[in-house]
PDB file of N, CA and C in Angstrom:
ATOM      1  N   MET A   1      33.851 107.891 162.646  1.00  0.00           N
ATOM      2  CA  MET A   1      35.264 107.823 162.327  1.00  0.00           C
ATOM      3  C   MET A   1      35.640 106.349 162.163  1.00  0.00           C
ATOM      4  N   SER A   2      36.390 106.058 161.141  1.00  0.00           N
ATOM      5  CA  SER A   2      36.838 104.691 160.927  1.00  0.00           C
ATOM      6  C   SER A   2      38.045 104.386 161.813  1.00  0.00           C
ATOM      7  N   LYS A   3      38.340 103.121 161.943  1.00  0.00           N
ATOM      8  CA  LYS A   3      39.511 102.706 162.718  1.00  0.00           C
ATOM      9  C   LYS A   3      40.784 103.299 162.111  1.00  0.00           C
ATOM     10  N   ASP A   4      40.903 103.258 160.787  1.00  0.00           N
ATOM     11  CA  ASP A   4      42.085 103.806 160.116  1.00  0.00           C
ATOM     12  C   ASP A   4      42.212 105.313 160.341  1.00  0.00           C
ATOM     13  N   ALA A   5      41.082 106.023 160.298  1.00  0.00           N
ATOM     14  CA  ALA A   5      41.101 107.471 160.528  1.00  0.00           C
ATOM     15  C   ALA A   5      41.542 107.779 161.956  1.00  0.00           C
ATOM     16  N   MET A   6      41.090 106.979 162.916  1.00  0.00           N
ATOM     17  CA  MET A   6      41.507 107.183 164.308  1.00  0.00           C
ATOM     18  C   MET A   6      43.006 106.961 164.454  1.00  0.00           C
ATOM     19  N   GLU A   7      43.522 105.933 163.825  1.00  0.00           N
ATOM     20  CA  GLU A   7      44.960 105.671 163.921  1.00  0.00           C
ATOM     21  C   GLU A   7      45.764 106.816 163.305  1.00  0.00           C
ATOM     22  N   ARG A   8      45.319 107.346 162.176  1.00  0.00           N
ATOM     23  CA  ARG A   8      46.007 108.500 161.568  1.00  0.00           C
ATOM     24  C   ARG A   8      45.933 109.712 162.491  1.00  0.00           C
ATOM     25  N   PHE A   9      44.771 109.933 163.106  1.00  0.00           N
ATOM     26  CA  PHE A   9      44.576 111.031 164.044  1.00  0.00           C
ATOM     27  C   PHE A   9      45.569 110.921 165.206  1.00  0.00           C
ATOM     28  N   LEU A  10      45.713 109.737 165.774  1.00  0.00           N
ATOM     29  CA  LEU A  10      46.614 109.537 166.905  1.00  0.00           C
ATOM     30  C   LEU A  10      48.079 109.719 166.508  1.00  0.00           C
ATOM     31  N   ARG A  11      48.434 109.263 165.322  1.00  0.00           N
ATOM     32  CA  ARG A  11      49.830 109.379 164.869  1.00  0.00           C
ATOM     33  C   ARG A  11      50.256 110.822 164.610  1.00  0.00           C
ATOM     34  N   LYS A  12      49.279 111.713 164.361  1.00  0.00           N
ATOM     35  CA  LYS A  12      49.606 113.121 164.116  1.00  0.00           C
ATOM     36  C   LYS A  12      50.272 113.778 165.326  1.00  0.00           C
ATOM     37  N   TRP A  13      50.063 113.213 166.513  1.00  0.00           N
ATOM     38  CA  TRP A  13      50.641 113.799 167.721  1.00  0.00           C
ATOM     39  C   TRP A  13      52.138 113.562 167.814  1.00  0.00           C
ATOM     40  N   ASP A  14      52.668 112.674 166.961  1.00  0.00           N
ATOM     41  CA  ASP A  14      54.098 112.368 166.936  1.00  0.00           C
ATOM     42  C   ASP A  14      54.570 111.948 168.325  1.00  0.00           C
ATOM     43  N   THR A  15      55.548 112.616 168.890  1.00  0.00           N
ATOM     44  CA  THR A  15      56.110 112.193 170.177  1.00  0.00           C
ATOM     45  C   THR A  15      55.360 112.754 171.378  1.00  0.00           C
ATOM     46  N   SER A  16      54.410 113.658 171.166  1.00  0.00           N
ATOM     47  CA  SER A  16      53.658 114.233 172.287  1.00  0.00           C
ATOM     48  C   SER A  16      52.699 113.228 172.920  1.00  0.00           C
ATOM     49  N   LEU A  17      52.125 112.360 172.108  1.00  0.00           N
ATOM     50  CA  LEU A  17      51.171 111.376 172.610  1.00  0.00           C
ATOM     51  C   LEU A  17      51.909 110.087 172.946  1.00  0.00           C
ATOM     52  N   LEU A  18      51.910 109.738 174.212  1.00  0.00           N
ATOM     53  CA  LEU A  18      52.599 108.527 174.651  1.00  0.00           C
ATOM     54  C   LEU A  18      51.682 107.311 174.614  1.00  0.00           C
ATOM     55  N   ARG A  19      50.415 107.534 174.984  1.00  0.00           N
ATOM     56  CA  ARG A  19      49.471 106.428 175.066  1.00  0.00           C
ATOM     57  C   ARG A  19      48.041 106.972 175.023  1.00  0.00           C
ATOM     58  N   ALA A  20      47.148 106.161 174.494  1.00  0.00           N
ATOM     59  CA  ALA A  20      45.718 106.491 174.504  1.00  0.00           C
ATOM     60  C   ALA A  20      44.955 105.187 174.708  1.00  0.00           C
ATOM     61  N   LYS A  21      43.869 105.287 175.433  1.00  0.00           N
ATOM     62  CA  LYS A  21      43.078 104.096 175.707  1.00  0.00           C
ATOM     63  C   LYS A  21      41.638 104.517 175.909  1.00  0.00           C
ATOM     64  N   GLY A  22      40.723 103.710 175.408  1.00  0.00           N
ATOM     65  CA  GLY A  22      39.321 104.025 175.619  1.00  0.00           C
ATOM     66  C   GLY A  22      38.408 103.034 174.939  1.00  0.00           C
ATOM     67  N   TYR A  23      37.138 103.323 175.039  1.00  0.00           N
ATOM     68  CA  TYR A  23      36.103 102.497 174.432  1.00  0.00           C
ATOM     69  C   TYR A  23      35.396 103.342 173.381  1.00  0.00           C
ATOM     70  N   LEU A  24      35.436 102.878 172.133  1.00  0.00           N
ATOM     71  CA  LEU A  24      34.892 103.638 171.013  1.00  0.00           C
ATOM     72  C   LEU A  24      34.094 102.731 170.095  1.00  0.00           C
ATOM     73  N   ASN A  25      33.145 103.316 169.385  1.00  0.00           N
ATOM     74  CA  ASN A  25      32.499 102.581 168.305  1.00  0.00           C
ATOM     75  C   ASN A  25      32.930 103.226 166.997  1.00  0.00           C
ATOM     76  N   PHE A  26      33.504 102.436 166.126  1.00  0.00           N
ATOM     77  CA  PHE A  26      34.012 102.921 164.863  1.00  0.00           C
ATOM     78  C   PHE A  26      32.959 102.745 163.779  1.00  0.00           C
ATOM     79  N   ALA A  27      33.078 103.533 162.725  1.00  0.00           N
ATOM     80  CA  ALA A  27      32.153 103.437 161.594  1.00  0.00           C
ATOM     81  C   ALA A  27      32.118 101.999 161.090  1.00  0.00           C
ATOM     82  N   GLY A  28      30.918 101.505 160.848  1.00  0.00           N
ATOM     83  CA  GLY A  28      30.768 100.150 160.335  1.00  0.00           C
ATOM     84  C   GLY A  28      30.772  99.071 161.403  1.00  0.00           C
ATOM     85  N   LYS A  29      30.970  99.445 162.658  1.00  0.00           N
ATOM     86  CA  LYS A  29      30.981  98.482 163.762  1.00  0.00           C
ATOM     87  C   LYS A  29      29.821  98.798 164.694  1.00  0.00           C
ATOM     88  N   SER A  30      29.031  97.805 165.012  1.00  0.00           N
ATOM     89  CA  SER A  30      27.904  98.038 165.922  1.00  0.00           C
ATOM     90  C   SER A  30      28.331  97.909 167.382  1.00  0.00           C
ATOM     91  N   GLN A  31      29.418  97.219 167.632  1.00  0.00           N
ATOM     92  CA  GLN A  31      29.881  96.980 168.996  1.00  0.00           C
ATOM     93  C   GLN A  31      30.938  98.002 169.408  1.00  0.00           C
ATOM     94  N   ILE A  32      30.927  98.379 170.665  1.00  0.00           N
ATOM     95  CA  ILE A  32      31.984  99.242 171.192  1.00  0.00           C
ATOM     96  C   ILE A  32      33.249  98.394 171.363  1.00  0.00           C
ATOM     97  N   LEU A  33      34.371  98.940 170.922  1.00  0.00           N
ATOM     98  CA  LEU A  33      35.647  98.234 170.999  1.00  0.00           C
ATOM     99  C   LEU A  33      36.567  98.892 172.014  1.00  0.00           C
ATOM    100  N   LEU A  34      37.395  98.080 172.643  1.00  0.00           N
ATOM    101  CA  LEU A  34      38.465  98.592 173.490  1.00  0.00           C
ATOM    102  C   LEU A  34      39.598  98.987 172.557  1.00  0.00           C
ATOM    103  N   MET A  35      39.976 100.275 172.581  1.00  0.00           N
ATOM    104  CA  MET A  35      41.054 100.783 171.748  1.00  0.00           C
ATOM    105  C   MET A  35      42.235 101.117 172.649  1.00  0.00           C
ATOM    106  N   GLN A  36      43.413 100.625 172.266  1.00  0.00           N
ATOM    107  CA  GLN A  36      44.641 100.946 172.989  1.00  0.00           C
ATOM    108  C   GLN A  36      45.689 101.396 171.976  1.00  0.00           C
ATOM    109  N   TYR A  37      46.387 102.477 172.309  1.00  0.00           N
ATOM    110  CA  TYR A  37      47.411 103.027 171.424  1.00  0.00           C
ATOM    111  C   TYR A  37      48.682 103.239 172.234  1.00  0.00           C
ATOM    112  N   ALA A  38      49.777 102.654 171.779  1.00  0.00           N
ATOM    113  CA  ALA A  38      51.083 102.824 172.427  1.00  0.00           C
ATOM    114  C   ALA A  38      52.159 102.519 171.388  1.00  0.00           C
ATOM    115  N   ALA A  39      53.277 103.177 171.518  1.00  0.00           N
ATOM    116  CA  ALA A  39      54.407 102.972 170.607  1.00  0.00           C
ATOM    117  C   ALA A  39      53.977 103.121 169.142  1.00  0.00           C
ATOM    118  N   LYS A  40      53.094 104.100 168.896  1.00  0.00           N
ATOM    119  CA  LYS A  40      52.604 104.421 167.553  1.00  0.00           C
ATOM    120  C   LYS A  40      51.871 103.261 166.893  1.00  0.00           C
ATOM    121  N   ARG A  41      51.309 102.374 167.708  1.00  0.00           N
ATOM    122  CA  ARG A  41      50.503 101.264 167.193  1.00  0.00           C
ATOM    123  C   ARG A  41      49.160 101.247 167.912  1.00  0.00           C
ATOM    124  N   MET A  42      48.105 100.991 167.158  1.00  0.00           N
ATOM    125  CA  MET A  42      46.774 100.933 167.738  1.00  0.00           C
ATOM    126  C   MET A  42      46.258  99.496 167.661  1.00  0.00           C
ATOM    127  N   ASN A  43      45.640  99.078 168.739  1.00  0.00           N
ATOM    128  CA  ASN A  43      45.050  97.751 168.804  1.00  0.00           C
ATOM    129  C   ASN A  43      43.599  97.905 169.263  1.00  0.00           C
ATOM    130  N   CYS A  44      42.695  97.183 168.616  1.00  0.00           N
ATOM    131  CA  CYS A  44      41.290  97.199 169.008  1.00  0.00           C
ATOM    132  C   CYS A  44      40.812  95.772 169.191  1.00  0.00           C
ATOM    133  N   GLU A  45      39.967  95.603 170.190  1.00  0.00           N
ATOM    134  CA  GLU A  45      39.410  94.272 170.417  1.00  0.00           C
ATOM    135  C   GLU A  45      37.975  94.404 170.917  1.00  0.00           C
ATOM    136  N   PRO A  46      37.160  93.388 170.659  1.00  0.00           N
ATOM    137  CA  PRO A  46      35.773  93.421 171.115  1.00  0.00           C
ATOM    138  C   PRO A  46      35.691  93.591 172.625  1.00  0.00           C
ATOM    139  N   SER A  47      34.616  94.229 173.070  1.00  0.00           N
ATOM    140  CA  SER A  47      34.449  94.502 174.490  1.00  0.00           C
ATOM    141  C   SER A  47      32.987  94.309 174.886  1.00  0.00           C
ATOM    142  N   THR A  48      32.786  94.021 176.138  1.00  0.00           N
ATOM    143  CA  THR A  48      31.425  93.936 176.668  1.00  0.00           C
ATOM    144  C   THR A  48      31.037  95.226 177.383  1.00  0.00           C
ATOM    145  N   TYR A  49      31.877  96.244 177.301  1.00  0.00           N
ATOM    146  CA  TYR A  49      31.617  97.542 177.919  1.00  0.00           C
ATOM    147  C   TYR A  49      30.311  98.108 177.372  1.00  0.00           C
ATOM    148  N   SER A  50      29.443  98.588 178.251  1.00  0.00           N
ATOM    149  CA  SER A  50      28.144  99.085 177.804  1.00  0.00           C
ATOM    150  C   SER A  50      27.910 100.569 178.129  1.00  0.00           C
ATOM    151  N   GLY A  51      28.941 101.259 178.603  1.00  0.00           N
ATOM    152  CA  GLY A  51      28.795 102.675 178.933  1.00  0.00           C
ATOM    153  C   GLY A  51      29.006 103.565 177.725  1.00  0.00           C
ATOM    154  N   ASP A  52      29.115 104.855 177.986  1.00  0.00           N
ATOM    155  CA  ASP A  52      29.363 105.832 176.931  1.00  0.00           C
ATOM    156  C   ASP A  52      30.810 105.740 176.461  1.00  0.00           C
ATOM    157  N   PRO A  53      31.052 106.031 175.173  1.00  0.00           N
ATOM    158  CA  PRO A  53      32.420 106.031 174.654  1.00  0.00           C
ATOM    159  C   PRO A  53      33.279 107.076 175.376  1.00  0.00           C
ATOM    160  N   TYR A  54      34.555 106.762 175.581  1.00  0.00           N
ATOM    161  CA  TYR A  54      35.490 107.725 176.152  1.00  0.00           C
ATOM    162  C   TYR A  54      36.912 107.361 175.746  1.00  0.00           C
ATOM    163  N   VAL A  55      37.809 108.337 175.849  1.00  0.00           N
ATOM    164  CA  VAL A  55      39.224 108.132 175.537  1.00  0.00           C
ATOM    165  C   VAL A  55      40.051 108.852 176.589  1.00  0.00           C
ATOM    166  N   VAL A  56      41.142 108.226 177.003  1.00  0.00           N
ATOM    167  CA  VAL A  56      42.118 108.849 177.894  1.00  0.00           C
ATOM    168  C   VAL A  56      43.402 109.023 177.090  1.00  0.00           C
ATOM    169  N   PHE A  57      43.905 110.260 177.036  1.00  0.00           N
ATOM    170  CA  PHE A  57      45.156 110.558 176.348  1.00  0.00           C
ATOM    171  C   PHE A  57      46.242 110.799 177.389  1.00  0.00           C
ATOM    172  N   ILE A  58      47.393 110.173 177.210  1.00  0.00           N
ATOM    173  CA  ILE A  58      48.529 110.369 178.101  1.00  0.00           C
ATOM    174  C   ILE A  58      49.673 110.891 177.248  1.00  0.00           C
ATOM    175  N   GLY A  59      50.185 112.061 177.611  1.00  0.00           N
ATOM    176  CA  GLY A  59      51.243 112.623 176.791  1.00  0.00           C
ATOM    177  C   GLY A  59      51.883 113.840 177.400  1.00  0.00           C
ATOM    178  N   ILE A  60      52.663 114.508 176.581  1.00  0.00           N
ATOM    179  CA  ILE A  60      53.426 115.682 176.990  1.00  0.00           C
ATOM    180  C   ILE A  60      52.976 116.862 176.135  1.00  0.00           C
ATOM    181  N   GLU A  61      52.529 117.933 176.799  1.00  0.00           N
ATOM    182  CA  GLU A  61      52.120 119.159 176.132  1.00  0.00           C
ATOM    183  C   GLU A  61      51.092 118.914 175.026  1.00  0.00           C
ATOM    184  N   LEU A  62      50.044 118.155 175.345  1.00  0.00           N
ATOM    185  CA  LEU A  62      48.968 117.921 174.386  1.00  0.00           C
ATOM    186  C   LEU A  62      48.075 119.152 174.313  1.00  0.00           C
ATOM    187  N   ASP A  63      47.607 119.464 173.136  1.00  0.00           N
ATOM    188  CA  ASP A  63      46.712 120.594 172.920  1.00  0.00           C
ATOM    189  C   ASP A  63      45.283 120.120 173.166  1.00  0.00           C
ATOM    190  N   ILE A  64      44.747 120.395 174.348  1.00  0.00           N
ATOM    191  CA  ILE A  64      43.451 119.893 174.774  1.00  0.00           C
ATOM    192  C   ILE A  64      42.325 120.408 173.876  1.00  0.00           C
ATOM    193  N   GLU A  65      42.282 121.693 173.629  1.00  0.00           N
ATOM    194  CA  GLU A  65      41.198 122.268 172.821  1.00  0.00           C
ATOM    195  C   GLU A  65      41.188 121.693 171.411  1.00  0.00           C
ATOM    196  N   SER A  66      42.352 121.553 170.825  1.00  0.00           N
ATOM    197  CA  SER A  66      42.451 121.015 169.473  1.00  0.00           C
ATOM    198  C   SER A  66      41.943 119.580 169.424  1.00  0.00           C
ATOM    199  N   THR A  67      42.276 118.786 170.419  1.00  0.00           N
ATOM    200  CA  THR A  67      41.831 117.392 170.471  1.00  0.00           C
ATOM    201  C   THR A  67      40.324 117.316 170.552  1.00  0.00           C
ATOM    202  N   GLU A  68      39.742 118.095 171.428  1.00  0.00           N
ATOM    203  CA  GLU A  68      38.289 118.086 171.582  1.00  0.00           C
ATOM    204  C   GLU A  68      37.596 118.526 170.298  1.00  0.00           C
ATOM    205  N   GLN A  69      38.131 119.537 169.629  1.00  0.00           N
ATOM    206  CA  GLN A  69      37.537 120.016 168.389  1.00  0.00           C
ATOM    207  C   GLN A  69      37.612 118.959 167.291  1.00  0.00           C
ATOM    208  N   ARG A  70      38.694 118.208 167.246  1.00  0.00           N
ATOM    209  CA  ARG A  70      38.843 117.169 166.228  1.00  0.00           C
ATOM    210  C   ARG A  70      37.939 115.970 166.503  1.00  0.00           C
ATOM    211  N   MET A  71      37.713 115.652 167.757  1.00  0.00           N
ATOM    212  CA  MET A  71      36.908 114.486 168.117  1.00  0.00           C
ATOM    213  C   MET A  71      35.411 114.776 168.075  1.00  0.00           C
ATOM    214  N   GLU A  72      35.011 116.009 168.344  1.00  0.00           N
ATOM    215  CA  GLU A  72      33.594 116.349 168.488  1.00  0.00           C
ATOM    216  C   GLU A  72      32.731 116.043 167.262  1.00  0.00           C
ATOM    217  N   PRO A  73      33.172 116.333 166.029  1.00  0.00           N
ATOM    218  CA  PRO A  73      32.303 116.048 164.891  1.00  0.00           C
ATOM    219  C   PRO A  73      31.888 114.575 164.788  1.00  0.00           C
ATOM    220  N   THR A  74      32.744 113.675 165.232  1.00  0.00           N
ATOM    221  CA  THR A  74      32.444 112.248 165.143  1.00  0.00           C
ATOM    222  C   THR A  74      31.759 111.725 166.389  1.00  0.00           C
ATOM    223  N   TYR A  75      32.245 112.120 167.549  1.00  0.00           N
ATOM    224  CA  TYR A  75      31.756 111.529 168.788  1.00  0.00           C
ATOM    225  C   TYR A  75      30.914 112.471 169.641  1.00  0.00           C
ATOM    226  N   GLY A  76      30.684 113.692 169.200  1.00  0.00           N
ATOM    227  CA  GLY A  76      29.881 114.628 169.975  1.00  0.00           C
ATOM    228  C   GLY A  76      30.559 114.976 171.279  1.00  0.00           C
ATOM    229  N   SER A  77      29.853 114.831 172.361  1.00  0.00           N
ATOM    230  CA  SER A  77      30.406 115.225 173.674  1.00  0.00           C
ATOM    231  C   SER A  77      31.100 114.039 174.346  1.00  0.00           C
ATOM    232  N   ILE A  78      32.003 113.414 173.627  1.00  0.00           N
ATOM    233  CA  ILE A  78      32.753 112.281 174.177  1.00  0.00           C
ATOM    234  C   ILE A  78      33.585 112.739 175.357  1.00  0.00           C
ATOM    235  N   SER A  79      33.699 111.888 176.348  1.00  0.00           N
ATOM    236  CA  SER A  79      34.507 112.197 177.524  1.00  0.00           C
ATOM    237  C   SER A  79      35.970 111.983 177.186  1.00  0.00           C
ATOM    238  N   ILE A  80      36.761 113.048 177.310  1.00  0.00           N
ATOM    239  CA  ILE A  80      38.192 112.976 177.060  1.00  0.00           C
ATOM    240  C   ILE A  80      38.917 113.354 178.328  1.00  0.00           C
ATOM    241  N   GLU A  81      39.828 112.492 178.762  1.00  0.00           N
ATOM    242  CA  GLU A  81      40.622 112.767 179.945  1.00  0.00           C
ATOM    243  C   GLU A  81      42.090 112.888 179.526  1.00  0.00           C
ATOM    244  N   TYR A  82      42.809 113.764 180.223  1.00  0.00           N
ATOM    245  CA  TYR A  82      44.213 113.993 179.899  1.00  0.00           C
ATOM    246  C   TYR A  82      45.066 113.688 181.101  1.00  0.00           C
ATOM    247  N   VAL A  83      46.133 112.956 180.875  1.00  0.00           N
ATOM    248  CA  VAL A  83      47.116 112.664 181.908  1.00  0.00           C
ATOM    249  C   VAL A  83      48.456 113.051 181.333  1.00  0.00           C
ATOM    250  N   GLY A  84      49.178 113.914 181.989  1.00  0.00           N
ATOM    251  CA  GLY A  84      50.472 114.265 181.427  1.00  0.00           C
ATOM    252  C   GLY A  84      51.044 115.501 182.005  1.00  0.00           C
TER     253      GLY A  84
END
């Protein structure tokens, strides 16, 4: 998944998704990046994190199954945590 595709994916949640944060590797990038999403803006920066990719979603009435299904084709069994 590209960085732009991830940002579009996150924006689809509209007001349900308040914040997202995690470590991901995007298409075309060899390094895992720290991704932070808040106020409908996504920021990514280089990271020295060496573990498995994961994302934490914080929101209201998020559809857990739908999120996992959308993320799985790109990230496989990525760890997704929900707070909300």
